[in-house]
Structure formats: structure tokens, C-alpha cells
C-alpha atoms as a PDB file:
ATOM      1  CA  UNK A   1       0.000   0.000   0.000  1.00  0.00           C
ATOM      2  CA  UNK A   2       1.608   3.245  -1.153  1.00  0.00           C
ATOM      3  CA  UNK A   3       0.743   6.769  -0.128  1.00  0.00           C
ATOM      4  CA  UNK A   4      -0.752   8.949  -2.835  1.00  0.00           C
ATOM      5  CA  UNK A   5      -1.131  12.224  -0.920  1.00  0.00           C
ATOM      6  CA  UNK A   6      -1.198  13.976   2.439  1.00  0.00           C
ATOM      7  CA  UNK A   7      -3.458  16.818   3.555  1.00  0.00           C
ATOM      8  CA  UNK A   8      -2.438  18.730   6.689  1.00  0.00           C
ATOM      9  CA  UNK A   9      -5.534  20.279   8.285  1.00  0.00           C
ATOM     10  CA  UNK A  10      -4.564  22.690  11.063  1.00  0.00           C
ATOM     11  CA  UNK A  11      -8.229  23.473  11.847  1.00  0.00           C
ATOM     12  CA  UNK A  12      -8.963  19.884  12.872  1.00  0.00           C
ATOM     13  CA  UNK A  13      -5.347  19.178  13.908  1.00  0.00           C
ATOM     14  CA  UNK A  14      -5.304  16.098  11.716  1.00  0.00           C
ATOM     15  CA  UNK A  15      -3.530  14.573   8.752  1.00  0.00           C
ATOM     16  CA  UNK A  16      -5.536  12.957   5.967  1.00  0.00           C
ATOM     17  CA  UNK A  17      -3.640  10.239   4.135  1.00  0.00           C
ATOM     18  CA  UNK A  18      -4.809   8.970   0.742  1.00  0.00           C
ATOM     19  CA  UNK A  19      -3.475   5.574  -0.306  1.00  0.00           C
ATOM     20  CA  UNK A  20      -3.131   4.363  -3.895  1.00  0.00           C
ATOM     21  CA  UNK A  21      -5.700   1.588  -3.289  1.00  0.00           C
ATOM     22  CA  UNK A  22      -8.459   4.177  -2.811  1.00  0.00           C
ATOM     23  CA  UNK A  23      -8.478   4.037   0.982  1.00  0.00           C
ATOM     24  CA  UNK A  24      -7.925   7.108   3.113  1.00  0.00           C
ATOM     25  CA  UNK A  25      -7.323   7.689   6.802  1.00  0.00           C
ATOM     26  CA  UNK A  26      -7.359  10.664   9.127  1.00  0.00           C
ATOM     27  CA  UNK A  27      -4.870  10.712  12.019  1.00  0.00           C
ATOM     28  CA  UNK A  28      -4.706  13.402  14.721  1.00  0.00           C
ATOM     29  CA  UNK A  29      -1.436  15.318  15.032  1.00  0.00           C
ATOM     30  CA  UNK A  30      -1.226  14.358  18.701  1.00  0.00           C
ATOM     31  CA  UNK A  31      -1.456  10.662  17.815  1.00  0.00           C
ATOM     32  CA  UNK A  32       1.294  11.000  15.200  1.00  0.00           C
ATOM     33  CA  UNK A  33       3.523  12.878  17.657  1.00  0.00           C
ATOM     34  CA  UNK A  34       2.907  10.471  20.545  1.00  0.00           C
ATOM     35  CA  UNK A  35       3.715   7.476  18.347  1.00  0.00           C
ATOM     36  CA  UNK A  36       6.733   9.017  16.661  1.00  0.00           C
ATOM     37  CA  UNK A  37       9.114   6.264  15.504  1.00  0.00           C
ATOM     38  CA  UNK A  38      11.983   7.634  17.609  1.00  0.00           C
ATOM     39  CA  UNK A  39       9.909   7.371  20.825  1.00  0.00           C
ATOM     40  CA  UNK A  40       8.871   3.806  20.147  1.00  0.00           C
ATOM     41  CA  UNK A  41      12.139   2.033  19.434  1.00  0.00           C
ATOM     42  CA  UNK A  42      12.614  -1.009  21.644  1.00  0.00           C
ATOM     43  CA  UNK A  43      14.568  -0.021  24.743  1.00  0.00           C
ATOM     44  CA  UNK A  44      14.770  -1.185  28.322  1.00  0.00           C
ATOM     45  CA  UNK A  45      12.253   1.474  29.289  1.00  0.00           C
ATOM     46  CA  UNK A  46       9.773   2.912  26.801  1.00  0.00           C
ATOM     47  CA  UNK A  47       9.397   6.663  27.063  1.00  0.00           C
ATOM     48  CA  UNK A  48       5.864   8.001  27.421  1.00  0.00           C
ATOM     49  CA  UNK A  49       5.343  11.116  25.294  1.00  0.00           C
ATOM     50  CA  UNK A  50       3.148  13.558  27.225  1.00  0.00           C
ATOM     51  CA  UNK A  51       1.671  17.074  26.946  1.00  0.00           C
ATOM     52  CA  UNK A  52       1.170  16.946  23.156  1.00  0.00           C
ATOM     53  CA  UNK A  53      -2.565  17.685  22.861  1.00  0.00           C
ATOM     54  CA  UNK A  54      -1.974  20.979  21.035  1.00  0.00           C
ATOM     55  CA  UNK A  55       1.008  19.958  18.900  1.00  0.00           C
ATOM     56  CA  UNK A  56       0.811  20.904  15.213  1.00  0.00           C
ATOM     57  CA  UNK A  57       2.292  19.050  12.259  1.00  0.00           C
ATOM     58  CA  UNK A  58       3.826  21.881  10.240  1.00  0.00           C
ATOM     59  CA  UNK A  59       5.414  20.106   7.272  1.00  0.00           C
ATOM     60  CA  UNK A  60       6.083  16.773   5.605  1.00  0.00           C
ATOM     61  CA  UNK A  61       9.188  16.138   3.513  1.00  0.00           C
ATOM     62  CA  UNK A  62       9.305  13.244   1.038  1.00  0.00           C
ATOM     63  CA  UNK A  63      12.498  11.229   1.598  1.00  0.00           C
ATOM     64  CA  UNK A  64      11.954   8.755  -1.231  1.00  0.00           C
ATOM     65  CA  UNK A  65      12.400   5.111  -0.263  1.00  0.00           C
ATOM     66  CA  UNK A  66      13.090   6.069   3.366  1.00  0.00           C
ATOM     67  CA  UNK A  67       9.611   7.498   3.910  1.00  0.00           C
ATOM     68  CA  UNK A  68       8.567  10.951   5.073  1.00  0.00           C
ATOM     69  CA  UNK A  69       9.978  13.412   7.580  1.00  0.00           C
ATOM     70  CA  UNK A  70       7.187  14.798   9.766  1.00  0.00           C
ATOM     71  CA  UNK A  71       8.028  18.169  11.305  1.00  0.00           C
ATOM     72  CA  UNK A  72       6.106  19.330  14.375  1.00  0.00           C
ATOM     73  CA  UNK A  73       5.867  22.775  15.970  1.00  0.00           C
ATOM     74  CA  UNK A  74       7.489  21.533  19.203  1.00  0.00           C
ATOM     75  CA  UNK A  75      10.822  21.286  17.329  1.00  0.00           C
ATOM     76  CA  UNK A  76      10.502  17.505  16.939  1.00  0.00           C
ATOM     77  CA  UNK A  77      10.890  15.745  13.617  1.00  0.00           C
ATOM     78  CA  UNK A  78      11.056  12.074  12.721  1.00  0.00           C
ATOM     79  CA  UNK A  79      11.088   9.808   9.697  1.00  0.00           C
ATOM     80  CA  UNK A  80       7.928   7.749   9.230  1.00  0.00           C
ATOM     81  CA  UNK A  81       8.150   4.873   6.747  1.00  0.00           C
ATOM     82  CA  UNK A  82       5.147   4.057   4.589  1.00  0.00           C
ATOM     83  CA  UNK A  83       4.897   0.715   6.404  1.00  0.00           C
ATOM     84  CA  UNK A  84       4.881   2.422   9.817  1.00  0.00           C
ATOM     85  CA  UNK A  85       2.226   4.941   8.711  1.00  0.00           C
ATOM     86  CA  UNK A  86       0.023   2.058   7.524  1.00  0.00           C
ATOM     87  CA  UNK A  87       0.557   0.353  10.903  1.00  0.00           C
ATOM     88  CA  UNK A  88      -0.476   3.532  12.735  1.00  0.00           C
ATOM     89  CA  UNK A  89      -3.657   3.595  10.664  1.00  0.00           C
ATOM     90  CA  UNK A  90      -4.613  -0.045  11.261  1.00  0.00           C
ATOM     91  CA  UNK A  91      -3.748  -0.021  14.975  1.00  0.00           C
ATOM     92  CA  UNK A  92      -5.022   3.479  15.798  1.00  0.00           C
ATOM     93  CA  UNK A  93      -7.807   2.555  18.226  1.00  0.00           C
ATOM     94  CA  UNK A  94      -5.804  -0.037  20.163  1.00  0.00           C
ATOM     95  CA  UNK A  95      -2.673   2.113  20.350  1.00  0.00           C
ATOM     96  CA  UNK A  96      -4.627   5.178  21.482  1.00  0.00           C
ATOM     97  CA  UNK A  97      -6.518   3.340  24.225  1.00  0.00           C
ATOM     98  CA  UNK A  98      -3.276   1.772  25.476  1.00  0.00           C
ATOM     99  CA  UNK A  99      -1.631   5.216  25.484  1.00  0.00           C
ATOM    100  CA  UNK A 100      -4.494   6.788  27.462  1.00  0.00           C
ATOM    101  CA  UNK A 101      -4.346   3.970  30.016  1.00  0.00           C
ATOM    102  CA  UNK A 102      -0.576   4.373  30.451  1.00  0.00           C
ATOM    103  CA  UNK A 103      -0.886   8.155  30.605  1.00  0.00           C
ATOM    104  CA  UNK A 104      -3.472   7.979  33.379  1.00  0.00           C
ATOM    105  CA  UNK A 105      -1.376   5.462  35.331  1.00  0.00           C
ATOM    106  CA  UNK A 106       1.682   7.726  35.052  1.00  0.00           C
ATOM    107  CA  UNK A 107      -0.150  10.764  36.432  1.00  0.00           C
ATOM    108  CA  UNK A 108       0.803  12.845  33.397  1.00  0.00           C
ATOM    109  CA  UNK A 109      -1.473  14.760  31.058  1.00  0.00           C
ATOM    110  CA  UNK A 110      -2.193  15.292  27.378  1.00  0.00           C
ATOM    111  CA  UNK A 111      -2.563  19.025  28.039  1.00  0.00           C
ATOM    112  CA  UNK A 112       0.236  21.326  26.940  1.00  0.00           C
ATOM    113  CA  UNK A 113       2.616  22.466  29.623  1.00  0.00           C
ATOM    114  CA  UNK A 114       2.859  26.155  30.417  1.00  0.00           C
ATOM    115  CA  UNK A 115       6.282  27.600  29.747  1.00  0.00           C
ATOM    116  CA  UNK A 116       7.398  29.889  32.553  1.00  0.00           C
ATOM    117  CA  UNK A 117      10.229  32.313  31.993  1.00  0.00           C
ATOM    118  CA  UNK A 118      11.843  33.958  34.970  1.00  0.00           C
ATOM    119  CA  UNK A 119      12.774  37.591  34.407  1.00  0.00           C
END
């Protein structure tokens, strides 16, 4: 399954993905940021990405056979392969529910943190 096009919708904070088989999917920016490939590599301790409710996907760069670089407004960027994007689509509900359960257990929040600058 190859990707035909992306549509970044900042009003709904979601990315619409059109596949070449006629299927399409809509993924929230927060979901894409929380399940960034770099945060989900197998390690001794998985890191829980928090406070990303208001994150915005600002750009997508085509990297050819390597996939796509997603650039977020929190200065994070990561390379998403076509295979990984398809996995995020098919496992969206299960992954999201698991994330919310882990988030609640950790005592953290989806809400953005307030930046405080001391003068």
C-alpha cells in the first residue's frame, strides 16, 4: 500500500492520508507525535510522550524510499516509513486506548505544559 497524498488540516489538527488503493485515513497530530518512531524504538524502558494535545504538524518532507519526515511545531521531527504509517492507521484505536491507560497510570497529562520564563 503506497501513499498517494497527504493533507495537513490545522483546523482539525489532523492529517488525511490517501493511499493508492483508494483508501484514506485521518490521524490526529497528537497521535502522530505520541507514536513518533523515535519514541517507540525497543529499549529497556519505553518513554511516554506527554503534553502533546496541542502539537501541530507543520510540514512533511518526502524522503523517497526512506519514507517521510514529519516536522512538528514543538521542534521535533522524525522519519515515518510508509509501512509504519500504515501500521499507525490499522492499529489506531488499540494504540490510542493503550496510550491513554498508560498516561493515566503515570499521572501525566495530554494538556500542553505552560512555559514559565523567569525575568
